[in-house]
C-alpha atoms as a PDB file:
ATOM      1  CA  MET A   1       9.207  19.083  24.241  1.00  0.00           C
ATOM      2  CA  ILE A   2       5.438  18.962  23.691  1.00  0.00           C
ATOM      3  CA  ASP A   3       4.144  16.381  21.186  1.00  0.00           C
ATOM      4  CA  LEU A   4       0.797  17.482  19.728  1.00  0.00           C
ATOM      5  CA  HIS A   5       0.138  14.512  17.426  1.00  0.00           C
ATOM      6  CA  SER A   6       0.284  10.833  18.430  1.00  0.00           C
ATOM      7  CA  HIS A   7      -1.630   7.616  17.925  1.00  0.00           C
ATOM      8  CA  ILE A   8      -0.771   6.227  21.317  1.00  0.00           C
ATOM      9  CA  LEU A   9      -4.226   5.314  22.641  1.00  0.00           C
ATOM     10  CA  PRO A  10      -4.431   1.508  22.370  1.00  0.00           C
ATOM     11  CA  GLY A  11      -6.886  -0.258  20.088  1.00  0.00           C
ATOM     12  CA  ILE A  12      -8.741   2.815  18.880  1.00  0.00           C
ATOM     13  CA  ASP A  13      -7.274   3.371  15.387  1.00  0.00           C
ATOM     14  CA  ASP A  14      -4.216   2.318  13.352  1.00  0.00           C
ATOM     15  CA  GLY A  15      -1.830   3.266  16.160  1.00  0.00           C
ATOM     16  CA  ALA A  16      -0.921   1.288  19.284  1.00  0.00           C
ATOM     17  CA  ARG A  17      -2.419  -2.208  18.988  1.00  0.00           C
ATOM     18  CA  SER A  18      -2.212  -3.058  22.672  1.00  0.00           C
ATOM     19  CA  LEU A  19      -1.753  -1.484  26.075  1.00  0.00           C
ATOM     20  CA  ASP A  20       1.801  -2.864  26.293  1.00  0.00           C
ATOM     21  CA  VAL A  21       2.736  -1.155  23.031  1.00  0.00           C
ATOM     22  CA  ALA A  22       1.086   2.091  24.155  1.00  0.00           C
ATOM     23  CA  LEU A  23       2.994   2.089  27.447  1.00  0.00           C
ATOM     24  CA  GLY A  24       6.178   1.377  25.503  1.00  0.00           C
ATOM     25  CA  MET A  25       5.413   4.392  23.308  1.00  0.00           C
ATOM     26  CA  ALA A  26       4.910   6.523  26.422  1.00  0.00           C
ATOM     27  CA  ASN A  27       8.324   5.486  27.711  1.00  0.00           C
ATOM     28  CA  GLN A  28       9.846   6.111  24.287  1.00  0.00           C
ATOM     29  CA  ALA A  29       8.380   9.622  24.302  1.00  0.00           C
ATOM     30  CA  VAL A  30       9.989  10.344  27.667  1.00  0.00           C
ATOM     31  CA  GLU A  31      13.322   9.055  26.346  1.00  0.00           C
ATOM     32  CA  CYS A  32      12.982  11.531  23.457  1.00  0.00           C
ATOM     33  CA  GLY A  33      12.679  14.409  25.913  1.00  0.00           C
ATOM     34  CA  ILE A  34       8.905  14.809  25.688  1.00  0.00           C
ATOM     35  CA  THR A  35       7.119  16.007  28.819  1.00  0.00           C
ATOM     36  CA  HIS A  36       3.573  16.234  27.427  1.00  0.00           C
ATOM     37  CA  ILE A  37       1.965  14.174  24.681  1.00  0.00           C
ATOM     38  CA  VAL A  38      -1.454  14.771  23.151  1.00  0.00           C
ATOM     39  CA  CYS A  39      -3.323  11.581  22.239  1.00  0.00           C
ATOM     40  CA  THR A  40      -4.879  12.262  18.822  1.00  0.00           C
ATOM     41  CA  PRO A  41      -6.612   9.195  17.361  1.00  0.00           C
ATOM     42  CA  HIS A  42      -8.181   9.447  13.937  1.00  0.00           C
ATOM     43  CA  ILE A  43     -11.724  10.616  13.402  1.00  0.00           C
ATOM     44  CA  HIS A  44     -12.361   9.460   9.840  1.00  0.00           C
ATOM     45  CA  LYS A  45     -15.957   8.643   9.009  1.00  0.00           C
ATOM     46  CA  GLY A  46     -16.366   5.078   7.797  1.00  0.00           C
ATOM     47  CA  TYR A  47     -12.847   4.078   8.850  1.00  0.00           C
ATOM     48  CA  PHE A  48     -12.303   5.240  12.411  1.00  0.00           C
ATOM     49  CA  ASP A  49     -15.655   6.329  13.774  1.00  0.00           C
ATOM     50  CA  ASN A  50     -14.297   7.750  17.001  1.00  0.00           C
ATOM     51  CA  SER A  51     -16.055  10.571  18.816  1.00  0.00           C
ATOM     52  CA  LEU A  52     -15.295  13.058  21.545  1.00  0.00           C
ATOM     53  CA  SER A  53     -16.954  10.807  24.139  1.00  0.00           C
ATOM     54  CA  SER A  54     -15.348   7.528  22.995  1.00  0.00           C
ATOM     55  CA  ILE A  55     -11.901   9.124  22.840  1.00  0.00           C
ATOM     56  CA  ARG A  56     -12.373  10.605  26.306  1.00  0.00           C
ATOM     57  CA  LEU A  57     -13.233   7.172  27.721  1.00  0.00           C
ATOM     58  CA  SER A  58     -10.194   5.526  26.114  1.00  0.00           C
ATOM     59  CA  PHE A  59      -7.992   8.395  27.249  1.00  0.00           C
ATOM     60  CA  LYS A  60      -9.086   8.208  30.891  1.00  0.00           C
ATOM     61  CA  GLN A  61      -8.334   4.486  30.984  1.00  0.00           C
ATOM     62  CA  PHE A  62      -4.906   4.957  29.415  1.00  0.00           C
ATOM     63  CA  GLU A  63      -4.042   7.931  31.619  1.00  0.00           C
ATOM     64  CA  GLN A  64      -4.679   5.750  34.661  1.00  0.00           C
ATOM     65  CA  GLU A  65      -2.388   3.037  33.279  1.00  0.00           C
ATOM     66  CA  VAL A  66       0.404   5.551  32.650  1.00  0.00           C
ATOM     67  CA  GLN A  67       0.095   6.882  36.183  1.00  0.00           C
ATOM     68  CA  GLU A  68       0.167   3.371  37.663  1.00  0.00           C
ATOM     69  CA  ALA A  69       3.270   2.591  35.586  1.00  0.00           C
ATOM     70  CA  HIS A  70       4.929   5.718  37.045  1.00  0.00           C
ATOM     71  CA  ILE A  71       5.798   7.080  33.618  1.00  0.00           C
ATOM     72  CA  PRO A  72       6.659  10.799  33.991  1.00  0.00           C
ATOM     73  CA  LEU A  73       4.528  12.007  31.108  1.00  0.00           C
ATOM     74  CA  THR A  74       1.650  14.489  31.093  1.00  0.00           C
ATOM     75  CA  LEU A  75      -1.241  13.491  28.806  1.00  0.00           C
ATOM     76  CA  SER A  76      -4.147  15.241  27.170  1.00  0.00           C
ATOM     77  CA  PHE A  77      -6.313  14.295  24.207  1.00  0.00           C
ATOM     78  CA  ALA A  78      -7.809  15.642  21.001  1.00  0.00           C
ATOM     79  CA  ALA A  79      -8.155  13.984  17.583  1.00  0.00           C
ATOM     80  CA  GLU A  80      -6.797  14.031  14.055  1.00  0.00           C
ATOM     81  CA  VAL A  81      -9.919  14.844  12.071  1.00  0.00           C
ATOM     82  CA  ARG A  82     -10.107  13.944   8.386  1.00  0.00           C
ATOM     83  CA  VAL A  83     -11.429  16.622   6.043  1.00  0.00           C
ATOM     84  CA  GLY A  84     -15.099  15.920   5.367  1.00  0.00           C
ATOM     85  CA  GLU A  85     -18.545  17.411   5.066  1.00  0.00           C
ATOM     86  CA  GLN A  86     -19.373  16.374   8.651  1.00  0.00           C
ATOM     87  CA  ILE A  87     -16.916  18.843  10.213  1.00  0.00           C
ATOM     88  CA  PRO A  88     -19.293  21.861  10.242  1.00  0.00           C
ATOM     89  CA  ILE A  89     -22.002  19.647  11.761  1.00  0.00           C
ATOM     90  CA  TRP A  90     -19.666  18.385  14.473  1.00  0.00           C
ATOM     91  CA  ALA A  91     -18.475  21.937  15.117  1.00  0.00           C
ATOM     92  CA  ARG A  92     -22.036  23.174  15.657  1.00  0.00           C
ATOM     93  CA  GLN A  93     -22.763  20.220  17.941  1.00  0.00           C
ATOM     94  CA  GLY A  94     -19.632  20.813  20.027  1.00  0.00           C
ATOM     95  CA  GLU A  95     -18.284  17.396  19.046  1.00  0.00           C
ATOM     96  CA  LEU A  96     -14.839  18.391  17.763  1.00  0.00           C
ATOM     97  CA  PRO A  97     -11.951  17.531  20.103  1.00  0.00           C
ATOM     98  CA  PHE A  98      -9.552  20.482  19.989  1.00  0.00           C
ATOM     99  CA  LEU A  99      -5.822  20.432  20.735  1.00  0.00           C
ATOM    100  CA  GLY A 100      -6.249  23.626  22.734  1.00  0.00           C
ATOM    101  CA  THR A 101      -6.205  27.283  21.787  1.00  0.00           C
ATOM    102  CA  TYR A 102      -3.932  29.679  19.932  1.00  0.00           C
ATOM    103  CA  ASN A 103      -4.508  33.413  19.594  1.00  0.00           C
ATOM    104  CA  ASN A 104      -7.875  32.922  21.315  1.00  0.00           C
ATOM    105  CA  MET A 105      -9.006  30.388  18.700  1.00  0.00           C
ATOM    106  CA  ASN A 106      -9.657  26.666  19.116  1.00  0.00           C
ATOM    107  CA  VAL A 107      -7.028  24.563  17.322  1.00  0.00           C
ATOM    108  CA  LEU A 108      -8.240  21.618  15.212  1.00  0.00           C
ATOM    109  CA  LEU A 109      -5.747  19.005  13.978  1.00  0.00           C
ATOM    110  CA  LEU A 110      -7.023  18.596  10.422  1.00  0.00           C
ATOM    111  CA  GLU A 111      -5.935  15.783   8.103  1.00  0.00           C
ATOM    112  CA  MET A 112      -6.062  15.900   4.316  1.00  0.00           C
ATOM    113  CA  PRO A 113      -5.927  12.725   2.211  1.00  0.00           C
ATOM    114  CA  HIS A 114      -2.338  11.697   1.476  1.00  0.00           C
ATOM    115  CA  SER A 115      -3.123  11.625  -2.248  1.00  0.00           C
ATOM    116  CA  HIS A 116      -4.340  15.146  -2.928  1.00  0.00           C
ATOM    117  CA  VAL A 117      -5.484  18.519  -1.637  1.00  0.00           C
ATOM    118  CA  PRO A 118      -9.260  18.134  -1.429  1.00  0.00           C
ATOM    119  CA  GLN A 119     -11.405  20.474  -3.461  1.00  0.00           C
ATOM    120  CA  GLY A 120     -13.091  23.071  -1.290  1.00  0.00           C
ATOM    121  CA  ILE A 121     -10.586  22.937   1.568  1.00  0.00           C
ATOM    122  CA  ASP A 122     -10.160  26.708   1.261  1.00  0.00           C
ATOM    123  CA  VAL A 123     -13.890  27.119   1.852  1.00  0.00           C
ATOM    124  CA  LEU A 124     -13.744  24.817   4.878  1.00  0.00           C
ATOM    125  CA  VAL A 125     -10.747  26.669   6.345  1.00  0.00           C
ATOM    126  CA  LYS A 126     -12.510  30.015   5.852  1.00  0.00           C
ATOM    127  CA  TRP A 127     -15.664  28.688   7.557  1.00  0.00           C
ATOM    128  CA  LEU A 128     -13.693  27.270  10.479  1.00  0.00           C
ATOM    129  CA  LEU A 129     -11.830  30.547  10.971  1.00  0.00           C
ATOM    130  CA  GLN A 130     -15.181  32.344  11.062  1.00  0.00           C
ATOM    131  CA  GLN A 131     -16.140  30.010  13.928  1.00  0.00           C
ATOM    132  CA  ASP A 132     -12.910  30.908  15.795  1.00  0.00           C
ATOM    133  CA  ILE A 133     -11.400  27.528  14.910  1.00  0.00           C
ATOM    134  CA  ILE A 134      -7.933  27.518  13.368  1.00  0.00           C
ATOM    135  CA  PRO A 135      -7.003  24.372  11.423  1.00  0.00           C
ATOM    136  CA  LEU A 136      -3.559  22.909  12.087  1.00  0.00           C
ATOM    137  CA  ILE A 137      -2.934  20.906   8.908  1.00  0.00           C
ATOM    138  CA  ALA A 138      -1.201  17.623   9.729  1.00  0.00           C
ATOM    139  CA  HIS A 139       1.859  16.456   7.746  1.00  0.00           C
ATOM    140  CA  PRO A 140       1.534  18.572   4.550  1.00  0.00           C
ATOM    141  CA  GLU A 141       5.019  17.376   3.560  1.00  0.00           C
ATOM    142  CA  ARG A 142       3.598  13.906   2.833  1.00  0.00           C
ATOM    143  CA  ASN A 143       0.710  15.043   0.630  1.00  0.00           C
ATOM    144  CA  ARG A 144       1.462  13.761  -2.868  1.00  0.00           C
ATOM    145  CA  GLU A 145      -0.147  16.708  -4.666  1.00  0.00           C
ATOM    146  CA  LEU A 146       1.911  19.189  -2.649  1.00  0.00           C
ATOM    147  CA  LEU A 147       5.033  17.103  -3.275  1.00  0.00           C
ATOM    148  CA  SER A 148       4.496  17.237  -7.040  1.00  0.00           C
ATOM    149  CA  GLU A 149       3.246  20.846  -7.098  1.00  0.00           C
ATOM    150  CA  PRO A 150       4.932  22.672  -4.189  1.00  0.00           C
ATOM    151  CA  HIS A 151       3.524  26.049  -5.225  1.00  0.00           C
ATOM    152  CA  LYS A 152       0.135  24.855  -3.976  1.00  0.00           C
ATOM    153  CA  PHE A 153       1.536  24.914  -0.443  1.00  0.00           C
ATOM    154  CA  GLU A 154       1.742  28.712  -0.669  1.00  0.00           C
ATOM    155  CA  TRP A 155      -1.875  28.815  -1.834  1.00  0.00           C
ATOM    156  CA  LEU A 156      -2.900  26.677   1.135  1.00  0.00           C
ATOM    157  CA  LYS A 157      -0.858  28.815   3.518  1.00  0.00           C
ATOM    158  CA  LYS A 158      -2.679  31.937   2.371  1.00  0.00           C
ATOM    159  CA  THR A 159      -6.006  30.471   3.558  1.00  0.00           C
ATOM    160  CA  GLY A 160      -4.896  31.229   7.121  1.00  0.00           C
ATOM    161  CA  CYS A 161      -4.312  27.724   8.464  1.00  0.00           C
ATOM    162  CA  MET A 162      -1.330  26.504  10.502  1.00  0.00           C
ATOM    163  CA  PHE A 163       0.917  23.541   9.667  1.00  0.00           C
ATOM    164  CA  GLN A 164       2.310  20.580  11.620  1.00  0.00           C
ATOM    165  CA  LEU A 165       5.392  18.870  10.222  1.00  0.00           C
ATOM    166  CA  THR A 166       6.149  15.250  11.112  1.00  0.00           C
ATOM    167  CA  ALA A 167       9.458  14.709  12.910  1.00  0.00           C
ATOM    168  CA  GLY A 168      10.233  11.566  10.909  1.00  0.00           C
ATOM    169  CA  ALA A 169      10.011  13.480   7.642  1.00  0.00           C
ATOM    170  CA  LEU A 170      13.128  15.444   8.565  1.00  0.00           C
ATOM    171  CA  ILE A 171      15.212  12.316   9.160  1.00  0.00           C
ATOM    172  CA  GLY A 172      14.212  10.457   5.995  1.00  0.00           C
ATOM    173  CA  ARG A 173      11.690   8.012   7.449  1.00  0.00           C
ATOM    174  CA  PHE A 174       9.279   8.644   4.565  1.00  0.00           C
ATOM    175  CA  GLY A 175      11.838   8.688   1.765  1.00  0.00           C
ATOM    176  CA  ASP A 176      14.114  11.194   0.070  1.00  0.00           C
ATOM    177  CA  LYS A 177      11.398  13.199  -1.670  1.00  0.00           C
ATOM    178  CA  VAL A 178       9.481  13.848   1.538  1.00  0.00           C
ATOM    179  CA  GLU A 179      12.715  14.658   3.391  1.00  0.00           C
ATOM    180  CA  LYS A 180      13.673  17.165   0.703  1.00  0.00           C
ATOM    181  CA  PHE A 181      10.287  18.893   0.886  1.00  0.00           C
ATOM    182  CA  ALA A 182      10.347  18.898   4.695  1.00  0.00           C
ATOM    183  CA  THR A 183      13.818  20.460   4.641  1.00  0.00           C
ATOM    184  CA  PHE A 184      12.599  23.103   2.190  1.00  0.00           C
ATOM    185  CA  LEU A 185       9.685  23.917   4.497  1.00  0.00           C
ATOM    186  CA  MET A 186      12.110  24.176   7.411  1.00  0.00           C
ATOM    187  CA  ARG A 187      14.361  26.590   5.543  1.00  0.00           C
ATOM    188  CA  GLU A 188      11.317  28.674   4.686  1.00  0.00           C
ATOM    189  CA  LYS A 189      10.132  28.448   8.310  1.00  0.00           C
ATOM    190  CA  ALA A 190       6.808  27.451   6.788  1.00  0.00           C
ATOM    191  CA  PHE A 191       5.415  25.285   9.589  1.00  0.00           C
ATOM    192  CA  ASN A 192       4.277  26.161  13.105  1.00  0.00           C
ATOM    193  CA  VAL A 193       4.674  22.875  14.959  1.00  0.00           C
ATOM    194  CA  VAL A 194       6.716  19.675  14.736  1.00  0.00           C
ATOM    195  CA  ALA A 195       5.074  16.537  16.169  1.00  0.00           C
ATOM    196  CA  SER A 196       5.829  12.824  16.121  1.00  0.00           C
ATOM    197  CA  ASP A 197       2.649  11.338  14.602  1.00  0.00           C
ATOM    198  CA  THR A 198       3.925   8.175  16.288  1.00  0.00           C
ATOM    199  CA  HIS A 199       1.956   4.963  15.652  1.00  0.00           C
ATOM    200  CA  ASP A 200       4.136   2.253  17.190  1.00  0.00           C
ATOM    201  CA  LEU A 201       7.604   1.510  18.559  1.00  0.00           C
ATOM    202  CA  THR A 202       9.458   0.497  15.392  1.00  0.00           C
ATOM    203  CA  ARG A 203       7.834   1.326  12.046  1.00  0.00           C
ATOM    204  CA  ARG A 204       6.515   4.720  13.159  1.00  0.00           C
ATOM    205  CA  PRO A 205       8.368   5.501  16.390  1.00  0.00           C
ATOM    206  CA  ASN A 206       8.847   8.828  18.124  1.00  0.00           C
ATOM    207  CA  ASP A 207      11.507  10.751  16.192  1.00  0.00           C
ATOM    208  CA  MET A 208      11.248  14.051  18.059  1.00  0.00           C
ATOM    209  CA  ALA A 209      14.733  14.077  19.601  1.00  0.00           C
ATOM    210  CA  GLU A 210      16.527  13.470  16.311  1.00  0.00           C
ATOM    211  CA  ALA A 211      14.332  15.951  14.446  1.00  0.00           C
ATOM    212  CA  PHE A 212      14.886  18.601  17.121  1.00  0.00           C
ATOM    213  CA  SER A 213      18.639  18.302  16.617  1.00  0.00           C
ATOM    214  CA  ILE A 214      18.220  18.922  12.882  1.00  0.00           C
ATOM    215  CA  VAL A 215      16.016  21.992  13.325  1.00  0.00           C
ATOM    216  CA  GLU A 216      18.184  23.315  16.163  1.00  0.00           C
ATOM    217  CA  LYS A 217      21.251  23.220  13.912  1.00  0.00           C
ATOM    218  CA  PHE A 218      19.310  25.233  11.339  1.00  0.00           C
ATOM    219  CA  ASP A 219      17.874  27.797  13.801  1.00  0.00           C
ATOM    220  CA  SER A 220      17.722  27.247  17.548  1.00  0.00           C
ATOM    221  CA  SER A 221      14.967  29.827  18.071  1.00  0.00           C
ATOM    222  CA  PHE A 222      12.805  28.214  15.386  1.00  0.00           C
ATOM    223  CA  ALA A 223      13.381  24.803  17.003  1.00  0.00           C
ATOM    224  CA  LEU A 224      12.266  26.087  20.395  1.00  0.00           C
ATOM    225  CA  SER A 225       9.215  27.700  18.826  1.00  0.00           C
ATOM    226  CA  THR A 226       8.036  24.657  16.857  1.00  0.00           C
ATOM    227  CA  PHE A 227       8.889  21.912  19.377  1.00  0.00           C
ATOM    228  CA  LYS A 228       8.148  23.737  22.635  1.00  0.00           C
ATOM    229  CA  HIS A 229       6.709  27.238  22.726  1.00  0.00           C
ATOM    230  CA  VAL A 230       3.866  27.062  20.201  1.00  0.00           C
ATOM    231  CA  PRO A 231       2.808  23.540  21.301  1.00  0.00           C
ATOM    232  CA  GLN A 232       2.909  24.639  24.947  1.00  0.00           C
ATOM    233  CA  THR A 233       0.731  27.650  24.199  1.00  0.00           C
ATOM    234  CA  ILE A 234      -1.779  25.401  22.439  1.00  0.00           C
ATOM    235  CA  VAL A 235      -2.015  22.681  25.109  1.00  0.00           C
ATOM    236  CA  ASN A 236      -2.399  25.280  27.848  1.00  0.00           C
ATOM    237  CA  GLY A 237      -5.849  25.885  26.373  1.00  0.00           C
ATOM    238  CA  ASN A 238      -6.933  22.222  26.171  1.00  0.00           C
ATOM    239  CA  ASN A 239     -10.367  21.865  27.785  1.00  0.00           C
ATOM    240  CA  ASN A 240     -11.422  18.395  26.558  1.00  0.00           C
ATOM    241  CA  GLN A 241     -11.168  16.837  30.021  1.00  0.00           C
END
C-alpha cells in the first residue's frame, strides 16, 4: 500500500514529537503493509509555518535515519496545506509541495477547517485547476458541516477536486457519526484515496491494514484503486526532492 498522508516527520507539527516516535511510526507503517509513505506536515499560516525548504531539510534528515535503522520503507514528502488566501501566492512562487501528479496535473493535499466548508473554496478549486493543480481534499468525512449537511459533499465534488478518506474513519476511531459518513462515502465510491493521516503510535496510529480489509470486503477493485493504484500513480510524479 501507498500512504499519501502522514505526520511522521519529527518535531515539525502536531505529529511525531521525537525521532524515536517517528521511527516507531515508520515500523508501524511497514507492519500495516505500507511500502511507501509520503511525509505531509501541516502548512497552516500562524500555526505551522512550514515551507517547501524547511520540510525538505527535515525530510532529508529523517530519510537518513530510516535508512540507518534499516526500515524497509520508501519515503517522499509533500505537505497538508490549509485553505487560505496565501495559496495562489505560493503557487505562483513555486512554493507548494505537491504529492505528485495525476492526469498530468500537480496534486495538492488541501485541508479545510474541521468546523466548516470555507466560503470561496469553489473559487479556489477552480483557480487551482486552471493552474494545472488538482486539490486532493483531506478527510472530508470529519468536516462538521459536511457531517450535518451531507448534500454539500456533492456540491464540493462537482468543483472537480479529489478526496482522501482517513483509514481510521472506517474503523470508528473518530466516532460513530464519522464512521457512518465514511461508510456512506465508501458505498458511493466517492473518494479517490485512503490514507492514514497518522500522527503518533497510539492515539492516531496507522490504521491502513484494518481499513483495507473493510474496503476490500465491500469491493476488492475499489480497495486496490484507493489504497494502491491511484496513490502509486500520484507518487510516481513526485518531484519535490
